[in-house]
Each structure stands twice: as structure tokens, then as C-alpha cells.
Amino acid sequence: MMGNRPLAITPTCLRAYVDKNRAAIEALLDDDFQFTSPIDNVLDRATYMKICWPNSKLMASFDYIYGCEGGDHAFIVYEARTSTGKCFRNCEVHTVRDGKLLATEVYFGWDLPHKVPQGAHMENEARGMHDFVPSFSGVPRLTKFSPILYIQYVLKVQICRI
């Protein structure tokens, strides 16, 4: 059924943010929903709604750039606009089970327009991005985020657990 496929669930979820429709988003989230981003580490459904849902008041639109689906997963890249005029590009991986959103992973992108001139490079200041700095316990402490460093960190953790 097309309506239960990951790429059908994903835009419905983001549309709920634009419409400020809490009932719609809650209907889409599985009871076991988990949310992870560079600044959120596996939030449960209740914590996600408490921390992330208030951001809906600023969301004005999402434009889909790329999307693909594999099994229970949808991968999307979008450009978002807020009511304050901020624009940015992110990518997300959504996992769907029985027509409900089971998990979302968000990877922060860049502001639009891009802060670095086309064809140029900025040293690792990353303006608004964050880099992982290891803490003494071996768990990274977030001070600045770089999507590449984050993905490398996640892959290392997964490789170590195998």
C-alpha cells in the first residue's frame, strides 16, 4: 500500500510541522519512536514531542530535493524555510514500521544561501556547525558539529560493537 511506504510517510510528517498539526504528527509516530540528531541522542517519543515539536511554530515550508526508499527506510534531502526567513538544507533517514514512523535520524546541512563562496573552502570554523571533541569518558562531547565527523564517529561506534 503506497500510503504506508516510507516515502509516503516522510512528507506527511514534515507537512505536520508546517501545518502546526500536533495530532497529525502524533498519529504518525510509532509508540517506540526514536529521534537522533547531532544534538539529540535517541530521544523517545515523549521527549521528542517536548523538545522538538515546539520548533513547528517557526516552520514555513519544506522543498524536497532528493528522496529514495529501501525496505523500511526513506532517505530525504530537503530545504526548509522558517517564518523568520532562515533557510537551510538537511538530510534525514526515516524508518517506518506498519505505516508509522519508528525512527528519524537528522543530519544537519548548511544555511541557504551557503556561507562560503562557490568554489571556495572555509577552514574548520564551519560557522554554526559543530565538531565532536572526545570527552574523558570516551563519549564525544559536542562543541561544534561537522556532518562528516559525526558520520565517521557513528560508523566507528557501530564497527566497534560488531
C-alpha atoms as a PDB file:
ATOM      1  CA  MET A   1       0.000   0.000   0.000  1.00  0.00           C
ATOM      2  CA  MET A   2       1.583   3.279  -1.151  1.00  0.00           C
ATOM      3  CA  GLY A   3       0.341   5.296   1.877  1.00  0.00           C
ATOM      4  CA  ASN A   4       2.347   3.136   4.297  1.00  0.00           C
ATOM      5  CA  ARG A   5       5.602   3.290   2.329  1.00  0.00           C
ATOM      6  CA  PRO A   6       8.444   5.288   3.857  1.00  0.00           C
ATOM      7  CA  LEU A   7       8.471   7.935   1.119  1.00  0.00           C
ATOM      8  CA  ALA A   8       4.733   8.471   1.648  1.00  0.00           C
ATOM      9  CA  ILE A   9       5.072   8.832   5.436  1.00  0.00           C
ATOM     10  CA  THR A  10       8.027  11.242   5.307  1.00  0.00           C
ATOM     11  CA  PRO A  11       6.337  14.242   3.625  1.00  0.00           C
ATOM     12  CA  THR A  12       3.239  13.759   5.785  1.00  0.00           C
ATOM     13  CA  CYS A  13       5.439  14.123   8.859  1.00  0.00           C
ATOM     14  CA  LEU A  14       7.109  17.298   7.624  1.00  0.00           C
ATOM     15  CA  ARG A  15       3.746  18.691   6.482  1.00  0.00           C
ATOM     16  CA  ALA A  16       2.509  18.380  10.082  1.00  0.00           C
ATOM     17  CA  TYR A  17       5.301  20.767  11.110  1.00  0.00           C
ATOM     18  CA  VAL A  18       4.310  23.340   8.501  1.00  0.00           C
ATOM     19  CA  ASP A  19       0.612  22.997   9.410  1.00  0.00           C
ATOM     20  CA  LYS A  20       1.390  23.051  13.171  1.00  0.00           C
ATOM     21  CA  ASN A  21      -0.782  19.923  13.396  1.00  0.00           C
ATOM     22  CA  ARG A  22       0.287  18.085  16.541  1.00  0.00           C
ATOM     23  CA  ALA A  23      -2.474  15.486  16.200  1.00  0.00           C
ATOM     24  CA  ALA A  24      -1.201  14.589  12.709  1.00  0.00           C
ATOM     25  CA  ILE A  25       2.394  14.107  13.849  1.00  0.00           C
ATOM     26  CA  GLU A  26       1.352  12.093  16.905  1.00  0.00           C
ATOM     27  CA  ALA A  27      -0.759   9.825  14.672  1.00  0.00           C
ATOM     28  CA  LEU A  28       2.324   9.151  12.513  1.00  0.00           C
ATOM     29  CA  LEU A  29       4.736   8.321  15.341  1.00  0.00           C
ATOM     30  CA  ASP A  30       5.096   4.725  16.498  1.00  0.00           C
ATOM     31  CA  ASP A  31       4.867   4.204  20.274  1.00  0.00           C
ATOM     32  CA  ASP A  32       8.544   3.171  20.163  1.00  0.00           C
ATOM     33  CA  PHE A  33       9.611   6.200  18.078  1.00  0.00           C
ATOM     34  CA  GLN A  34      13.212   7.365  18.498  1.00  0.00           C
ATOM     35  CA  PHE A  35      14.792  10.606  17.284  1.00  0.00           C
ATOM     36  CA  THR A  36      18.508  11.188  16.796  1.00  0.00           C
ATOM     37  CA  SER A  37      20.381  14.222  15.525  1.00  0.00           C
ATOM     38  CA  PRO A  38      23.795  15.710  16.209  1.00  0.00           C
ATOM     39  CA  ILE A  39      22.307  17.347  19.317  1.00  0.00           C
ATOM     40  CA  ASP A  40      19.737  14.672  20.300  1.00  0.00           C
ATOM     41  CA  ASN A  41      20.812  11.160  21.236  1.00  0.00           C
ATOM     42  CA  VAL A  42      17.964   8.657  20.755  1.00  0.00           C
ATOM     43  CA  LEU A  43      15.116  10.691  22.223  1.00  0.00           C
ATOM     44  CA  ASP A  44      11.963   8.727  22.961  1.00  0.00           C
ATOM     45  CA  ARG A  45       8.591   9.837  21.627  1.00  0.00           C
ATOM     46  CA  ALA A  46       7.586  11.903  24.679  1.00  0.00           C
ATOM     47  CA  THR A  47      10.936  13.692  24.872  1.00  0.00           C
ATOM     48  CA  TYR A  48      10.900  14.346  21.122  1.00  0.00           C
ATOM     49  CA  MET A  49       7.461  15.953  21.377  1.00  0.00           C
ATOM     50  CA  LYS A  50       8.559  18.061  24.345  1.00  0.00           C
ATOM     51  CA  ILE A  51      11.860  19.246  22.847  1.00  0.00           C
ATOM     52  CA  CYS A  52      11.422  19.176  19.067  1.00  0.00           C
ATOM     53  CA  TRP A  53       7.736  19.798  18.383  1.00  0.00           C
ATOM     54  CA  PRO A  54       7.870  23.455  19.575  1.00  0.00           C
ATOM     55  CA  ASN A  55      10.080  24.116  16.513  1.00  0.00           C
ATOM     56  CA  SER A  56       6.953  23.690  14.387  1.00  0.00           C
ATOM     57  CA  LYS A  57       5.887  27.223  15.263  1.00  0.00           C
ATOM     58  CA  LEU A  58       8.747  28.511  13.078  1.00  0.00           C
ATOM     59  CA  MET A  59       8.498  26.118  10.120  1.00  0.00           C
ATOM     60  CA  ALA A  60       7.074  27.704   6.979  1.00  0.00           C
ATOM     61  CA  SER A  61       7.941  25.210   4.216  1.00  0.00           C
ATOM     62  CA  PHE A  62       9.947  22.210   3.064  1.00  0.00           C
ATOM     63  CA  ASP A  63      11.111  21.726  -0.532  1.00  0.00           C
ATOM     64  CA  TYR A  64      12.183  18.181  -1.357  1.00  0.00           C
ATOM     65  CA  ILE A  65      15.484  17.941  -3.226  1.00  0.00           C
ATOM     66  CA  TYR A  66      16.166  14.180  -3.202  1.00  0.00           C
ATOM     67  CA  GLY A  67      14.384  11.128  -1.900  1.00  0.00           C
ATOM     68  CA  CYS A  68      14.860   7.401  -2.142  1.00  0.00           C
ATOM     69  CA  GLU A  69      13.461   4.367  -0.420  1.00  0.00           C
ATOM     70  CA  GLY A  70      14.890   0.992   0.506  1.00  0.00           C
ATOM     71  CA  GLY A  71      12.908  -1.519   2.516  1.00  0.00           C
ATOM     72  CA  ASP A  72      11.566   0.225   5.619  1.00  0.00           C
ATOM     73  CA  HIS A  73      13.810   3.268   5.145  1.00  0.00           C
ATOM     74  CA  ALA A  74      13.407   6.594   3.367  1.00  0.00           C
ATOM     75  CA  PHE A  75      16.284   8.980   2.769  1.00  0.00           C
ATOM     76  CA  ILE A  76      15.419  12.598   2.003  1.00  0.00           C
ATOM     77  CA  VAL A  77      17.250  15.840   1.430  1.00  0.00           C
ATOM     78  CA  TYR A  78      15.190  18.983   1.804  1.00  0.00           C
ATOM     79  CA  GLU A  79      15.468  22.735   2.009  1.00  0.00           C
ATOM     80  CA  ALA A  80      13.488  24.278   4.838  1.00  0.00           C
ATOM     81  CA  ARG A  81      12.312  27.818   5.398  1.00  0.00           C
ATOM     82  CA  THR A  82      11.274  29.340   8.685  1.00  0.00           C
ATOM     83  CA  SER A  83       8.853  32.170   9.365  1.00  0.00           C
ATOM     84  CA  THR A  84      11.871  34.286  10.370  1.00  0.00           C
ATOM     85  CA  GLY A  85      13.382  33.906   6.890  1.00  0.00           C
ATOM     86  CA  LYS A  86      16.123  31.412   7.752  1.00  0.00           C
ATOM     87  CA  CYS A  87      16.716  28.770   5.080  1.00  0.00           C
ATOM     88  CA  PHE A  88      18.743  25.587   5.451  1.00  0.00           C
ATOM     89  CA  ARG A  89      19.310  22.184   3.883  1.00  0.00           C
ATOM     90  CA  ASN A  90      19.223  18.923   5.882  1.00  0.00           C
ATOM     91  CA  CYS A  91      19.028  15.238   5.196  1.00  0.00           C
ATOM     92  CA  GLU A  92      17.077  12.657   7.166  1.00  0.00           C
ATOM     93  CA  VAL A  93      16.756   8.901   7.322  1.00  0.00           C
ATOM     94  CA  HIS A  94      13.304   7.685   8.355  1.00  0.00           C
ATOM     95  CA  THR A  95      12.473   4.139   9.417  1.00  0.00           C
ATOM     96  CA  VAL A  96       8.837   3.099   9.050  1.00  0.00           C
ATOM     97  CA  ARG A  97       7.090   0.107  10.619  1.00  0.00           C
ATOM     98  CA  ASP A  98       3.447  -0.768   9.888  1.00  0.00           C
ATOM     99  CA  GLY A  99       2.784   2.674   8.411  1.00  0.00           C
ATOM    100  CA  LYS A 100       4.203   4.539  11.416  1.00  0.00           C
ATOM    101  CA  LEU A 101       7.435   6.440  11.832  1.00  0.00           C
ATOM    102  CA  LEU A 102       9.674   4.298  14.053  1.00  0.00           C
ATOM    103  CA  ALA A 103      12.875   6.349  13.893  1.00  0.00           C
ATOM    104  CA  THR A 104      14.274   9.548  12.454  1.00  0.00           C
ATOM    105  CA  GLU A 105      17.947  10.439  12.063  1.00  0.00           C
ATOM    106  CA  VAL A 106      18.660  14.056  11.125  1.00  0.00           C
ATOM    107  CA  TYR A 107      21.964  15.199   9.650  1.00  0.00           C
ATOM    108  CA  PHE A 108      22.324  18.971   9.665  1.00  0.00           C
ATOM    109  CA  GLY A 109      23.359  20.594   6.445  1.00  0.00           C
ATOM    110  CA  TRP A 110      24.130  24.204   5.679  1.00  0.00           C
ATOM    111  CA  ASP A 111      22.380  27.535   5.702  1.00  0.00           C
ATOM    112  CA  LEU A 112      20.997  28.908   2.446  1.00  0.00           C
ATOM    113  CA  PRO A 113      22.474  30.813   0.839  1.00  0.00           C
ATOM    114  CA  HIS A 114      25.694  28.967   1.584  1.00  0.00           C
ATOM    115  CA  LYS A 115      28.070  30.998   3.796  1.00  0.00           C
ATOM    116  CA  VAL A 116      31.143  30.020   1.739  1.00  0.00           C
ATOM    117  CA  PRO A 117      31.509  31.477  -1.773  1.00  0.00           C
ATOM    118  CA  GLN A 118      31.090  28.967  -4.595  1.00  0.00           C
ATOM    119  CA  GLY A 119      34.353  27.191  -5.353  1.00  0.00           C
ATOM    120  CA  ALA A 120      35.860  28.285  -2.024  1.00  0.00           C
ATOM    121  CA  HIS A 121      36.735  26.443   1.179  1.00  0.00           C
ATOM    122  CA  MET A 122      36.485  27.607   4.778  1.00  0.00           C
ATOM    123  CA  GLU A 123      38.817  26.216   7.402  1.00  0.00           C
ATOM    124  CA  ASN A 124      37.091  24.187  10.066  1.00  0.00           C
ATOM    125  CA  GLU A 125      35.288  27.088  11.691  1.00  0.00           C
ATOM    126  CA  ALA A 126      32.137  25.794   9.984  1.00  0.00           C
ATOM    127  CA  ARG A 127      30.066  28.752  11.156  1.00  0.00           C
ATOM    128  CA  GLY A 128      27.141  27.304  13.020  1.00  0.00           C
ATOM    129  CA  MET A 129      28.323  23.721  12.624  1.00  0.00           C
ATOM    130  CA  HIS A 130      29.829  21.682  15.446  1.00  0.00           C
ATOM    131  CA  ASP A 131      32.764  19.285  15.809  1.00  0.00           C
ATOM    132  CA  PHE A 132      32.939  16.328  18.124  1.00  0.00           C
ATOM    133  CA  VAL A 133      35.589  16.648  20.803  1.00  0.00           C
ATOM    134  CA  PRO A 134      36.250  13.452  22.777  1.00  0.00           C
ATOM    135  CA  SER A 135      35.491  13.615  26.487  1.00  0.00           C
ATOM    136  CA  PHE A 136      37.452  11.802  29.152  1.00  0.00           C
ATOM    137  CA  SER A 137      34.821   9.050  29.391  1.00  0.00           C
ATOM    138  CA  GLY A 138      35.300   8.159  25.732  1.00  0.00           C
ATOM    139  CA  VAL A 139      31.854   9.513  24.811  1.00  0.00           C
ATOM    140  CA  PRO A 140      32.106  12.515  22.487  1.00  0.00           C
ATOM    141  CA  ARG A 141      31.323  15.931  23.885  1.00  0.00           C
ATOM    142  CA  LEU A 142      29.528  18.144  21.388  1.00  0.00           C
ATOM    143  CA  THR A 143      31.130  21.547  20.906  1.00  0.00           C
ATOM    144  CA  LYS A 144      30.825  22.014  17.143  1.00  0.00           C
ATOM    145  CA  PHE A 145      29.194  19.697  14.609  1.00  0.00           C
ATOM    146  CA  SER A 146      30.517  18.524  11.281  1.00  0.00           C
ATOM    147  CA  PRO A 147      28.258  16.005   9.464  1.00  0.00           C
ATOM    148  CA  ILE A 148      31.308  14.167   8.132  1.00  0.00           C
ATOM    149  CA  LEU A 149      32.875  13.819  11.593  1.00  0.00           C
ATOM    150  CA  TYR A 150      29.523  12.769  13.013  1.00  0.00           C
ATOM    151  CA  ILE A 151      29.021  10.028  10.412  1.00  0.00           C
ATOM    152  CA  GLN A 152      32.617   8.861  10.926  1.00  0.00           C
ATOM    153  CA  TYR A 153      32.021   8.726  14.684  1.00  0.00           C
ATOM    154  CA  VAL A 154      28.794   6.749  14.263  1.00  0.00           C
ATOM    155  CA  LEU A 155      30.424   4.283  11.894  1.00  0.00           C
ATOM    156  CA  LYS A 156      33.344   3.764  14.292  1.00  0.00           C
ATOM    157  CA  VAL A 157      30.938   3.058  17.138  1.00  0.00           C
ATOM    158  CA  GLN A 158      28.997   0.574  15.021  1.00  0.00           C
ATOM    159  CA  ILE A 159      32.190  -1.124  13.873  1.00  0.00           C
ATOM    160  CA  CYS A 160      33.423  -1.405  17.467  1.00  0.00           C
ATOM    161  CA  ARG A 161      30.169  -3.036  18.562  1.00  0.00           C
ATOM    162  CA  ILE A 162      30.304  -5.768  15.904  1.00  0.00           C
END
